[in-house]
PDB file of N, CA and C in Angstrom:
ATOM      1  N   MET A   1      15.727  11.576  -4.217  1.00  0.00           N
ATOM      2  CA  MET A   1      14.541  11.683  -5.030  1.00  0.00           C
ATOM      3  C   MET A   1      14.687  10.843  -6.293  1.00  0.00           C
ATOM      4  N   PHE A   2      15.883  10.838  -6.887  1.00  0.00           N
ATOM      5  CA  PHE A   2      16.092  10.057  -8.093  1.00  0.00           C
ATOM      6  C   PHE A   2      15.859   8.576  -7.833  1.00  0.00           C
ATOM      7  N   HIS A   3      16.342   8.079  -6.675  1.00  0.00           N
ATOM      8  CA  HIS A   3      16.177   6.660  -6.356  1.00  0.00           C
ATOM      9  C   HIS A   3      14.705   6.297  -6.226  1.00  0.00           C
ATOM     10  N   LEU A   4      13.911   7.148  -5.595  1.00  0.00           N
ATOM     11  CA  LEU A   4      12.472   6.906  -5.485  1.00  0.00           C
ATOM     12  C   LEU A   4      11.857   6.846  -6.875  1.00  0.00           C
ATOM     13  N   TYR A   5      12.240   7.783  -7.741  1.00  0.00           N
ATOM     14  CA  TYR A   5      11.725   7.816  -9.104  1.00  0.00           C
ATOM     15  C   TYR A   5      12.012   6.499  -9.801  1.00  0.00           C
ATOM     16  N   LYS A   6      13.235   5.992  -9.668  1.00  0.00           N
ATOM     17  CA  LYS A   6      13.622   4.744 -10.319  1.00  0.00           C
ATOM     18  C   LYS A   6      12.831   3.558  -9.763  1.00  0.00           C
ATOM     19  N   VAL A   7      12.682   3.472  -8.443  1.00  0.00           N
ATOM     20  CA  VAL A   7      11.926   2.380  -7.825  1.00  0.00           C
ATOM     21  C   VAL A   7      10.472   2.406  -8.287  1.00  0.00           C
ATOM     22  N   MET A   8       9.867   3.590  -8.301  1.00  0.00           N
ATOM     23  CA  MET A   8       8.466   3.700  -8.700  1.00  0.00           C
ATOM     24  C   MET A   8       8.298   3.385 -10.188  1.00  0.00           C
ATOM     25  N   GLU A   9       9.265   3.774 -10.998  1.00  0.00           N
ATOM     26  CA  GLU A   9       9.218   3.467 -12.420  1.00  0.00           C
ATOM     27  C   GLU A   9       9.291   1.954 -12.638  1.00  0.00           C
ATOM     28  N   GLU A  10      10.173   1.289 -11.916  1.00  0.00           N
ATOM     29  CA  GLU A  10      10.319  -0.157 -12.043  1.00  0.00           C
ATOM     30  C   GLU A  10       9.073  -0.904 -11.574  1.00  0.00           C
ATOM     31  N   ASN A  11       8.379  -0.371 -10.565  1.00  0.00           N
ATOM     32  CA  ASN A  11       7.173  -1.010 -10.039  1.00  0.00           C
ATOM     33  C   ASN A  11       5.917  -0.596 -10.794  1.00  0.00           C
ATOM     34  N   GLY A  12       6.053   0.248 -11.793  1.00  0.00           N
ATOM     35  CA  GLY A  12       4.892   0.699 -12.549  1.00  0.00           C
ATOM     36  C   GLY A  12       3.992   1.639 -11.765  1.00  0.00           C
ATOM     37  N   THR A  13       4.545   2.337 -10.780  1.00  0.00           N
ATOM     38  CA  THR A  13       3.726   3.223  -9.952  1.00  0.00           C
ATOM     39  C   THR A  13       4.035   4.690 -10.203  1.00  0.00           C
ATOM     40  N   LEU A  14       4.786   4.978 -11.243  1.00  0.00           N
ATOM     41  CA  LEU A  14       5.190   6.351 -11.488  1.00  0.00           C
ATOM     42  C   LEU A  14       4.019   7.159 -12.030  1.00  0.00           C
ATOM     43  N   GLY A  15       3.679   8.209 -11.345  1.00  0.00           N
ATOM     44  CA  GLY A  15       2.615   9.114 -11.765  1.00  0.00           C
ATOM     45  C   GLY A  15       3.062  10.532 -11.485  1.00  0.00           C
ATOM     46  N   SER A  16       2.125  11.444 -11.372  1.00  0.00           N
ATOM     47  CA  SER A  16       2.488  12.809 -11.021  1.00  0.00           C
ATOM     48  C   SER A  16       2.535  12.931  -9.497  1.00  0.00           C
ATOM     49  N   TYR A  17       3.106  14.027  -9.034  1.00  0.00           N
ATOM     50  CA  TYR A  17       3.310  14.208  -7.602  1.00  0.00           C
ATOM     51  C   TYR A  17       2.447  15.333  -7.064  1.00  0.00           C
ATOM     52  N   LYS A  18       2.070  15.205  -5.802  1.00  0.00           N
ATOM     53  CA  LYS A  18       1.368  16.247  -5.075  1.00  0.00           C
ATOM     54  C   LYS A  18       2.054  16.332  -3.717  1.00  0.00           C
ATOM     55  N   PHE A  19       2.236  17.537  -3.199  1.00  0.00           N
ATOM     56  CA  PHE A  19       2.928  17.707  -1.931  1.00  0.00           C
ATOM     57  C   PHE A  19       1.963  18.195  -0.861  1.00  0.00           C
ATOM     58  N   ALA A  20       2.112  17.666   0.350  1.00  0.00           N
ATOM     59  CA  ALA A  20       1.284  18.060   1.484  1.00  0.00           C
ATOM     60  C   ALA A  20       2.110  18.893   2.445  1.00  0.00           C
ATOM     61  N   ASP A  21       1.453  19.774   3.153  1.00  0.00           N
ATOM     62  CA  ASP A  21       2.083  20.615   4.164  1.00  0.00           C
ATOM     63  C   ASP A  21       2.532  19.752   5.342  1.00  0.00           C
ATOM     64  N   ALA A  22       3.801  19.798   5.634  1.00  0.00           N
ATOM     65  CA  ALA A  22       4.362  18.969   6.715  1.00  0.00           C
ATOM     66  C   ALA A  22       3.779  19.323   8.070  1.00  0.00           C
ATOM     67  N   GLY A  23       3.512  20.583   8.294  1.00  0.00           N
ATOM     68  CA  GLY A  23       3.034  21.023   9.595  1.00  0.00           C
ATOM     69  C   GLY A  23       1.683  20.450   9.970  1.00  0.00           C
ATOM     70  N   SER A  24       0.877  20.099   8.994  1.00  0.00           N
ATOM     71  CA  SER A  24      -0.461  19.589   9.301  1.00  0.00           C
ATOM     72  C   SER A  24      -0.468  18.099   9.618  1.00  0.00           C
ATOM     73  N   ILE A  25       0.586  17.382   9.265  1.00  0.00           N
ATOM     74  CA  ILE A  25       0.592  15.931   9.434  1.00  0.00           C
ATOM     75  C   ILE A  25       1.623  15.471  10.462  1.00  0.00           C
ATOM     76  N   SER A  26       2.635  16.278  10.721  1.00  0.00           N
ATOM     77  CA  SER A  26       3.651  15.902  11.706  1.00  0.00           C
ATOM     78  C   SER A  26       3.133  16.109  13.121  1.00  0.00           C
ATOM     79  N   VAL A  27       3.979  15.822  14.082  1.00  0.00           N
ATOM     80  CA  VAL A  27       3.635  15.894  15.508  1.00  0.00           C
ATOM     81  C   VAL A  27       3.093  17.275  15.882  1.00  0.00           C
ATOM     82  N   GLY A  28       2.208  17.291  16.827  1.00  0.00           N
ATOM     83  CA  GLY A  28       1.674  18.550  17.328  1.00  0.00           C
ATOM     84  C   GLY A  28       0.216  18.412  17.718  1.00  0.00           C
ATOM     85  N   ILE A  29      -0.517  17.577  17.012  1.00  0.00           N
ATOM     86  CA  ILE A  29      -1.906  17.281  17.340  1.00  0.00           C
ATOM     87  C   ILE A  29      -2.052  15.766  17.436  1.00  0.00           C
ATOM     88  N   SER A  30      -3.201  15.297  17.849  1.00  0.00           N
ATOM     89  CA  SER A  30      -3.380  13.858  18.057  1.00  0.00           C
ATOM     90  C   SER A  30      -3.193  13.061  16.757  1.00  0.00           C
ATOM     91  N   LYS A  31      -2.861  11.788  16.907  1.00  0.00           N
ATOM     92  CA  LYS A  31      -2.709  10.907  15.745  1.00  0.00           C
ATOM     93  C   LYS A  31      -4.006  10.858  14.944  1.00  0.00           C
ATOM     94  N   GLU A  32      -5.129  10.824  15.646  1.00  0.00           N
ATOM     95  CA  GLU A  32      -6.429  10.746  14.978  1.00  0.00           C
ATOM     96  C   GLU A  32      -6.674  11.969  14.099  1.00  0.00           C
ATOM     97  N   ASP A  33      -6.337  13.140  14.624  1.00  0.00           N
ATOM     98  CA  ASP A  33      -6.511  14.373  13.848  1.00  0.00           C
ATOM     99  C   ASP A  33      -5.561  14.400  12.650  1.00  0.00           C
ATOM    100  N   ARG A  34      -4.319  13.972  12.860  1.00  0.00           N
ATOM    101  CA  ARG A  34      -3.357  13.933  11.751  1.00  0.00           C
ATOM    102  C   ARG A  34      -3.796  12.939  10.694  1.00  0.00           C
ATOM    103  N   ALA A  35      -4.370  11.808  11.110  1.00  0.00           N
ATOM    104  CA  ALA A  35      -4.865  10.810  10.156  1.00  0.00           C
ATOM    105  C   ALA A  35      -6.033  11.374   9.347  1.00  0.00           C
ATOM    106  N   GLN A  36      -6.905  12.136   9.988  1.00  0.00           N
ATOM    107  CA  GLN A  36      -8.031  12.774   9.275  1.00  0.00           C
ATOM    108  C   GLN A  36      -7.510  13.749   8.221  1.00  0.00           C
ATOM    109  N   ILE A  37      -6.521  14.552   8.597  1.00  0.00           N
ATOM    110  CA  ILE A  37      -5.936  15.514   7.657  1.00  0.00           C
ATOM    111  C   ILE A  37      -5.260  14.784   6.507  1.00  0.00           C
ATOM    112  N   LEU A  38      -4.479  13.753   6.820  1.00  0.00           N
ATOM    113  CA  LEU A  38      -3.800  12.987   5.778  1.00  0.00           C
ATOM    114  C   LEU A  38      -4.812  12.322   4.860  1.00  0.00           C
ATOM    115  N   ASN A  39      -5.872  11.753   5.420  1.00  0.00           N
ATOM    116  CA  ASN A  39      -6.899  11.117   4.597  1.00  0.00           C
ATOM    117  C   ASN A  39      -7.514  12.122   3.621  1.00  0.00           C
ATOM    118  N   ALA A  40      -7.785  13.330   4.083  1.00  0.00           N
ATOM    119  CA  ALA A  40      -8.344  14.359   3.205  1.00  0.00           C
ATOM    120  C   ALA A  40      -7.379  14.682   2.064  1.00  0.00           C
ATOM    121  N   ARG A  41      -6.091  14.750   2.385  1.00  0.00           N
ATOM    122  CA  ARG A  41      -5.085  15.010   1.339  1.00  0.00           C
ATOM    123  C   ARG A  41      -5.026  13.851   0.341  1.00  0.00           C
ATOM    124  N   LEU A  42      -5.094  12.621   0.861  1.00  0.00           N
ATOM    125  CA  LEU A  42      -5.054  11.445  -0.022  1.00  0.00           C
ATOM    126  C   LEU A  42      -6.285  11.387  -0.927  1.00  0.00           C
ATOM    127  N   LEU A  43      -7.437  11.721  -0.395  1.00  0.00           N
ATOM    128  CA  LEU A  43      -8.658  11.721  -1.204  1.00  0.00           C
ATOM    129  C   LEU A  43      -8.619  12.812  -2.266  1.00  0.00           C
ATOM    130  N   GLY A  44      -7.791  13.825  -2.043  1.00  0.00           N
ATOM    131  CA  GLY A  44      -7.641  14.908  -3.012  1.00  0.00           C
ATOM    132  C   GLY A  44      -6.650  14.614  -4.122  1.00  0.00           C
ATOM    133  N   THR A  45      -6.032  13.443  -4.097  1.00  0.00           N
ATOM    134  CA  THR A  45      -5.092  13.092  -5.165  1.00  0.00           C
ATOM    135  C   THR A  45      -5.839  12.444  -6.321  1.00  0.00           C
ATOM    136  N   ASP A  46      -5.309  12.650  -7.507  1.00  0.00           N
ATOM    137  CA  ASP A  46      -5.866  12.000  -8.687  1.00  0.00           C
ATOM    138  C   ASP A  46      -5.370  10.567  -8.757  1.00  0.00           C
ATOM    139  N   HIS A  47      -6.041   9.760  -9.553  1.00  0.00           N
ATOM    140  CA  HIS A  47      -5.620   8.372  -9.734  1.00  0.00           C
ATOM    141  C   HIS A  47      -4.156   8.342 -10.176  1.00  0.00           C
ATOM    142  N   ARG A  48      -3.369   7.513  -9.526  1.00  0.00           N
ATOM    143  CA  ARG A  48      -1.947   7.321  -9.821  1.00  0.00           C
ATOM    144  C   ARG A  48      -1.096   8.545  -9.495  1.00  0.00           C
ATOM    145  N   GLN A  49      -1.617   9.467  -8.718  1.00  0.00           N
ATOM    146  CA  GLN A  49      -0.832  10.603  -8.271  1.00  0.00           C
ATOM    147  C   GLN A  49      -0.196  10.251  -6.928  1.00  0.00           C
ATOM    148  N   ILE A  50       1.046  10.626  -6.732  1.00  0.00           N
ATOM    149  CA  ILE A  50       1.793  10.304  -5.526  1.00  0.00           C
ATOM    150  C   ILE A  50       1.760  11.501  -4.576  1.00  0.00           C
ATOM    151  N   LEU A  51       1.311  11.281  -3.341  1.00  0.00           N
ATOM    152  CA  LEU A  51       1.323  12.328  -2.329  1.00  0.00           C
ATOM    153  C   LEU A  51       2.632  12.220  -1.554  1.00  0.00           C
ATOM    154  N   MET A  52       3.378  13.309  -1.507  1.00  0.00           N
ATOM    155  CA  MET A  52       4.658  13.325  -0.801  1.00  0.00           C
ATOM    156  C   MET A  52       4.599  14.363   0.304  1.00  0.00           C
ATOM    157  N   PHE A  53       5.187  14.003   1.463  1.00  0.00           N
ATOM    158  CA  PHE A  53       5.246  14.975   2.537  1.00  0.00           C
ATOM    159  C   PHE A  53       6.395  14.653   3.486  1.00  0.00           C
ATOM    160  N   PRO A  54       7.086  15.710   3.959  1.00  0.00           N
ATOM    161  CA  PRO A  54       8.098  15.514   4.987  1.00  0.00           C
ATOM    162  C   PRO A  54       7.387  15.193   6.292  1.00  0.00           C
ATOM    163  N   TYR A  55       8.005  14.373   7.102  1.00  0.00           N
ATOM    164  CA  TYR A  55       7.387  13.963   8.357  1.00  0.00           C
ATOM    165  C   TYR A  55       8.398  14.077   9.485  1.00  0.00           C
ATOM    166  N   ASN A  56       7.954  14.639  10.597  1.00  0.00           N
ATOM    167  CA  ASN A  56       8.818  14.796  11.757  1.00  0.00           C
ATOM    168  C   ASN A  56       8.104  14.205  12.963  1.00  0.00           C
ATOM    169  N   SER A  57       8.708  13.194  13.549  1.00  0.00           N
ATOM    170  CA  SER A  57       8.113  12.540  14.714  1.00  0.00           C
ATOM    171  C   SER A  57       8.468  13.255  16.015  1.00  0.00           C
ATOM    172  N   GLY A  58       9.104  14.389  15.913  1.00  0.00           N
ATOM    173  CA  GLY A  58       9.456  15.162  17.091  1.00  0.00           C
ATOM    174  C   GLY A  58      10.923  15.506  17.175  1.00  0.00           C
ATOM    175  N   ASN A  59      11.769  14.681  16.551  1.00  0.00           N
ATOM    176  CA  ASN A  59      13.201  14.957  16.642  1.00  0.00           C
ATOM    177  C   ASN A  59      13.973  14.608  15.368  1.00  0.00           C
ATOM    178  N   HIS A  60      13.265  14.254  14.302  1.00  0.00           N
ATOM    179  CA  HIS A  60      13.959  13.810  13.100  1.00  0.00           C
ATOM    180  C   HIS A  60      13.025  13.900  11.897  1.00  0.00           C
ATOM    181  N   TRP A  61      13.525  14.418  10.776  1.00  0.00           N
ATOM    182  CA  TRP A  61      12.727  14.527   9.550  1.00  0.00           C
ATOM    183  C   TRP A  61      13.000  13.360   8.611  1.00  0.00           C
ATOM    184  N   CYS A  62      11.964  12.931   7.915  1.00  0.00           N
ATOM    185  CA  CYS A  62      12.094  11.945   6.847  1.00  0.00           C
ATOM    186  C   CYS A  62      11.105  12.349   5.751  1.00  0.00           C
ATOM    187  N   LEU A  63      11.023  11.577   4.699  1.00  0.00           N
ATOM    188  CA  LEU A  63      10.085  11.856   3.618  1.00  0.00           C
ATOM    189  C   LEU A  63       9.223  10.621   3.398  1.00  0.00           C
ATOM    190  N   ILE A  64       7.924  10.835   3.270  1.00  0.00           N
ATOM    191  CA  ILE A  64       6.983   9.748   2.998  1.00  0.00           C
ATOM    192  C   ILE A  64       6.281  10.069   1.689  1.00  0.00           C
ATOM    193  N   ALA A  65       6.160   9.068   0.832  1.00  0.00           N
ATOM    194  CA  ALA A  65       5.415   9.186  -0.419  1.00  0.00           C
ATOM    195  C   ALA A  65       4.360   8.087  -0.414  1.00  0.00           C
ATOM    196  N   ILE A  66       3.134   8.433  -0.789  1.00  0.00           N
ATOM    197  CA  ILE A  66       2.045   7.461  -0.760  1.00  0.00           C
ATOM    198  C   ILE A  66       1.365   7.400  -2.113  1.00  0.00           C
ATOM    199  N   ASP A  67       1.277   6.191  -2.651  1.00  0.00           N
ATOM    200  CA  ASP A  67       0.471   5.908  -3.840  1.00  0.00           C
ATOM    201  C   ASP A  67      -0.826   5.310  -3.318  1.00  0.00           C
ATOM    202  N   PHE A  68      -1.825   6.152  -3.099  1.00  0.00           N
ATOM    203  CA  PHE A  68      -3.071   5.738  -2.453  1.00  0.00           C
ATOM    204  C   PHE A  68      -3.836   4.726  -3.296  1.00  0.00           C
ATOM    205  N   SER A  69      -3.804   4.895  -4.621  1.00  0.00           N
ATOM    206  CA  SER A  69      -4.556   3.980  -5.478  1.00  0.00           C
ATOM    207  C   SER A  69      -3.991   2.560  -5.442  1.00  0.00           C
ATOM    208  N   ARG A  70      -2.708   2.429  -5.167  1.00  0.00           N
ATOM    209  CA  ARG A  70      -2.077   1.103  -5.073  1.00  0.00           C
ATOM    210  C   ARG A  70      -1.873   0.646  -3.637  1.00  0.00           C
ATOM    211  N   GLY A  71      -2.153   1.515  -2.681  1.00  0.00           N
ATOM    212  CA  GLY A  71      -1.998   1.150  -1.274  1.00  0.00           C
ATOM    213  C   GLY A  71      -0.554   0.980  -0.847  1.00  0.00           C
ATOM    214  N   THR A  72       0.337   1.798  -1.418  1.00  0.00           N
ATOM    215  CA  THR A  72       1.761   1.682  -1.115  1.00  0.00           C
ATOM    216  C   THR A  72       2.279   2.967  -0.499  1.00  0.00           C
ATOM    217  N   ALA A  73       3.055   2.823   0.567  1.00  0.00           N
ATOM    218  CA  ALA A  73       3.707   3.969   1.218  1.00  0.00           C
ATOM    219  C   ALA A  73       5.215   3.754   1.146  1.00  0.00           C
ATOM    220  N   TYR A  74       5.931   4.795   0.759  1.00  0.00           N
ATOM    221  CA  TYR A  74       7.392   4.738   0.639  1.00  0.00           C
ATOM    222  C   TYR A  74       8.008   5.560   1.761  1.00  0.00           C
ATOM    223  N   TRP A  75       8.976   4.969   2.455  1.00  0.00           N
ATOM    224  CA  TRP A  75       9.666   5.592   3.587  1.00  0.00           C
ATOM    225  C   TRP A  75      11.084   5.923   3.162  1.00  0.00           C
ATOM    226  N   MET A  76      11.459   7.217   3.239  1.00  0.00           N
ATOM    227  CA  MET A  76      12.806   7.643   2.879  1.00  0.00           C
ATOM    228  C   MET A  76      13.430   8.376   4.057  1.00  0.00           C
ATOM    229  N   ASP A  77      14.477   7.778   4.595  1.00  0.00           N
ATOM    230  CA  ASP A  77      15.129   8.327   5.773  1.00  0.00           C
ATOM    231  C   ASP A  77      16.621   8.061   5.655  1.00  0.00           C
ATOM    232  N   PRO A  78      17.445   9.100   5.552  1.00  0.00           N
ATOM    233  CA  PRO A  78      18.879   8.876   5.374  1.00  0.00           C
ATOM    234  C   PRO A  78      19.581   8.322   6.606  1.00  0.00           C
ATOM    235  N   LEU A  79      18.942   8.390   7.780  1.00  0.00           N
ATOM    236  CA  LEU A  79      19.592   7.944   9.009  1.00  0.00           C
ATOM    237  C   LEU A  79      19.108   6.601   9.527  1.00  0.00           C
ATOM    238  N   ARG A  80      17.918   6.189   9.113  1.00  0.00           N
ATOM    239  CA  ARG A  80      17.351   4.947   9.655  1.00  0.00           C
ATOM    240  C   ARG A  80      16.762   4.096   8.539  1.00  0.00           C
ATOM    241  N   ASN A  81      16.854   2.800   8.710  1.00  0.00           N
ATOM    242  CA  ASN A  81      16.266   1.875   7.741  1.00  0.00           C
ATOM    243  C   ASN A  81      15.011   1.209   8.286  1.00  0.00           C
ATOM    244  N   ARG A  82      14.397   1.845   9.258  1.00  0.00           N
ATOM    245  CA  ARG A  82      13.151   1.297   9.794  1.00  0.00           C
ATOM    246  C   ARG A  82      12.107   2.402   9.845  1.00  0.00           C
ATOM    247  N   ILE A  83      10.871   2.005   9.733  1.00  0.00           N
ATOM    248  CA  ILE A  83       9.765   2.944   9.685  1.00  0.00           C
ATOM    249  C   ILE A  83       9.394   3.368  11.100  1.00  0.00           C
ATOM    250  N   ASN A  84       9.220   4.644  11.288  1.00  0.00           N
ATOM    251  CA  ASN A  84       8.834   5.215  12.569  1.00  0.00           C
ATOM    252  C   ASN A  84       7.419   4.762  12.921  1.00  0.00           C
ATOM    253  N   ASN A  85       7.203   4.305  14.157  1.00  0.00           N
ATOM    254  CA  ASN A  85       5.886   3.816  14.585  1.00  0.00           C
ATOM    255  C   ASN A  85       4.814   4.891  14.520  1.00  0.00           C
ATOM    256  N   ASP A  86       5.163   6.119  14.893  1.00  0.00           N
ATOM    257  CA  ASP A  86       4.192   7.212  14.857  1.00  0.00           C
ATOM    258  C   ASP A  86       3.709   7.453  13.427  1.00  0.00           C
ATOM    259  N   ALA A  87       4.638   7.529  12.494  1.00  0.00           N
ATOM    260  CA  ALA A  87       4.281   7.745  11.087  1.00  0.00           C
ATOM    261  C   ALA A  87       3.454   6.578  10.561  1.00  0.00           C
ATOM    262  N   SER A  88       3.868   5.369  10.884  1.00  0.00           N
ATOM    263  CA  SER A  88       3.143   4.178  10.440  1.00  0.00           C
ATOM    264  C   SER A  88       1.707   4.180  10.951  1.00  0.00           C
ATOM    265  N   ASP A  89       1.530   4.544  12.220  1.00  0.00           N
ATOM    266  CA  ASP A  89       0.189   4.601  12.803  1.00  0.00           C
ATOM    267  C   ASP A  89      -0.695   5.619  12.094  1.00  0.00           C
ATOM    268  N   VAL A  90      -0.153   6.805  11.841  1.00  0.00           N
ATOM    269  CA  VAL A  90      -0.931   7.864  11.197  1.00  0.00           C
ATOM    270  C   VAL A  90      -1.343   7.446   9.783  1.00  0.00           C
ATOM    271  N   VAL A  91      -0.409   6.886   9.023  1.00  0.00           N
ATOM    272  CA  VAL A  91      -0.727   6.447   7.658  1.00  0.00           C
ATOM    273  C   VAL A  91      -1.756   5.321   7.688  1.00  0.00           C
ATOM    274  N   ARG A  92      -1.575   4.339   8.572  1.00  0.00           N
ATOM    275  CA  ARG A  92      -2.537   3.232   8.676  1.00  0.00           C
ATOM    276  C   ARG A  92      -3.931   3.735   9.036  1.00  0.00           C
ATOM    277  N   MET A  93      -3.992   4.656   9.983  1.00  0.00           N
ATOM    278  CA  MET A  93      -5.275   5.208  10.401  1.00  0.00           C
ATOM    279  C   MET A  93      -5.943   5.977   9.255  1.00  0.00           C
ATOM    280  N   ALA A  94      -5.151   6.699   8.458  1.00  0.00           N
ATOM    281  CA  ALA A  94      -5.709   7.417   7.302  1.00  0.00           C
ATOM    282  C   ALA A  94      -6.297   6.428   6.299  1.00  0.00           C
ATOM    283  N   PHE A  95      -5.613   5.305   6.085  1.00  0.00           N
ATOM    284  CA  PHE A  95      -6.129   4.269   5.186  1.00  0.00           C
ATOM    285  C   PHE A  95      -7.411   3.663   5.758  1.00  0.00           C
ATOM    286  N   ASP A  96      -7.439   3.441   7.075  1.00  0.00           N
ATOM    287  CA  ASP A  96      -8.625   2.880   7.730  1.00  0.00           C
ATOM    288  C   ASP A  96      -9.847   3.779   7.548  1.00  0.00           C
ATOM    289  N   ILE A  97      -9.652   5.085   7.623  1.00  0.00           N
ATOM    290  CA  ILE A  97     -10.763   6.025   7.477  1.00  0.00           C
ATOM    291  C   ILE A  97     -11.439   5.835   6.116  1.00  0.00           C
ATOM    292  N   SER A  98     -10.655   5.548   5.095  1.00  0.00           N
ATOM    293  CA  SER A  98     -11.206   5.347   3.748  1.00  0.00           C
ATOM    294  C   SER A  98     -11.535   3.889   3.464  1.00  0.00           C
ATOM    295  N   ASN A  99     -11.498   3.056   4.508  1.00  0.00           N
ATOM    296  CA  ASN A  99     -11.774   1.624   4.362  1.00  0.00           C
ATOM    297  C   ASN A  99     -10.863   0.952   3.347  1.00  0.00           C
ATOM    298  N   LYS A 100      -9.608   1.392   3.316  1.00  0.00           N
ATOM    299  CA  LYS A 100      -8.608   0.752   2.458  1.00  0.00           C
ATOM    300  C   LYS A 100      -7.827  -0.225   3.331  1.00  0.00           C
ATOM    301  N   LYS A 101      -7.336  -1.294   2.695  1.00  0.00           N
ATOM    302  CA  LYS A 101      -6.538  -2.240   3.474  1.00  0.00           C
ATOM    303  C   LYS A 101      -5.235  -1.581   3.924  1.00  0.00           C
ATOM    304  N   LYS A 102      -4.600  -2.185   4.901  1.00  0.00           N
ATOM    305  CA  LYS A 102      -3.356  -1.675   5.477  1.00  0.00           C
ATOM    306  C   LYS A 102      -2.341  -1.402   4.360  1.00  0.00           C
ATOM    307  N   PRO A 103      -1.644  -0.244   4.406  1.00  0.00           N
ATOM    308  CA  PRO A 103      -0.686   0.064   3.347  1.00  0.00           C
ATOM    309  C   PRO A 103       0.519  -0.869   3.360  1.00  0.00           C
ATOM    310  N   VAL A 104       1.061  -1.110   2.194  1.00  0.00           N
ATOM    311  CA  VAL A 104       2.301  -1.871   2.053  1.00  0.00           C
ATOM    312  C   VAL A 104       3.432  -0.846   2.092  1.00  0.00           C
ATOM    313  N   TRP A 105       4.348  -1.002   3.021  1.00  0.00           N
ATOM    314  CA  TRP A 105       5.467  -0.087   3.163  1.00  0.00           C
ATOM    315  C   TRP A 105       6.668  -0.580   2.375  1.00  0.00           C
ATOM    316  N   ARG A 106       7.355   0.345   1.727  1.00  0.00           N
ATOM    317  CA  ARG A 106       8.611   0.071   1.038  1.00  0.00           C
ATOM    318  C   ARG A 106       9.647   1.080   1.563  1.00  0.00           C
ATOM    319  N   ILE A 107      10.763   0.573   2.002  1.00  0.00           N
ATOM    320  CA  ILE A 107      11.843   1.435   2.475  1.00  0.00           C
ATOM    321  C   ILE A 107      12.750   1.742   1.291  1.00  0.00           C
ATOM    322  N   ILE A 108      12.965   3.029   1.051  1.00  0.00           N
ATOM    323  CA  ILE A 108      13.819   3.480  -0.051  1.00  0.00           C
ATOM    324  C   ILE A 108      15.131   3.943   0.561  1.00  0.00           C
ATOM    325  N   LYS A 109      16.213   3.355   0.145  1.00  0.00           N
ATOM    326  CA  LYS A 109      17.539   3.744   0.642  1.00  0.00           C
ATOM    327  C   LYS A 109      17.922   5.077   0.016  1.00  0.00           C
ATOM    328  N   VAL A 110      18.345   5.997   0.862  1.00  0.00           N
ATOM    329  CA  VAL A 110      18.765   7.315   0.369  1.00  0.00           C
ATOM    330  C   VAL A 110      20.192   7.593   0.727  1.00  0.00           C
TER     331      VAL A 110
END
C-alpha cells in the first residue's frame, strides 16, 4: 500500500480512497454485469477519489485501484507482473459504459 501511495503522489494522482465490495466485481457473474456494477461504483466516486477493490479471477487475489477522473488503473499483484485478462476486460468495459477512453494500466510492484 505504501508503494502505491508513493507512485500516486509522484504522478499527482493522490486523492482520497473509496473501497468496493470484492464479491460484486470478482468472478461469479458475467463480465458485462460486473462491468455495470464497477461502472456504478466508479460514478459514485468524487473527483480525484481512488476506487480500490480486491479482485479474484477464480484462483488468485490481487488489488486494483482506479483513478476514474484520470483514466488510470493500478494493478497490484505480489505473484505476477502482468495484468489478468479478465480484470482488464471488466475495467475496460466499465470505462466503455461511461464513454471514457480505454484506461491506462500501471503495474505496481509489491
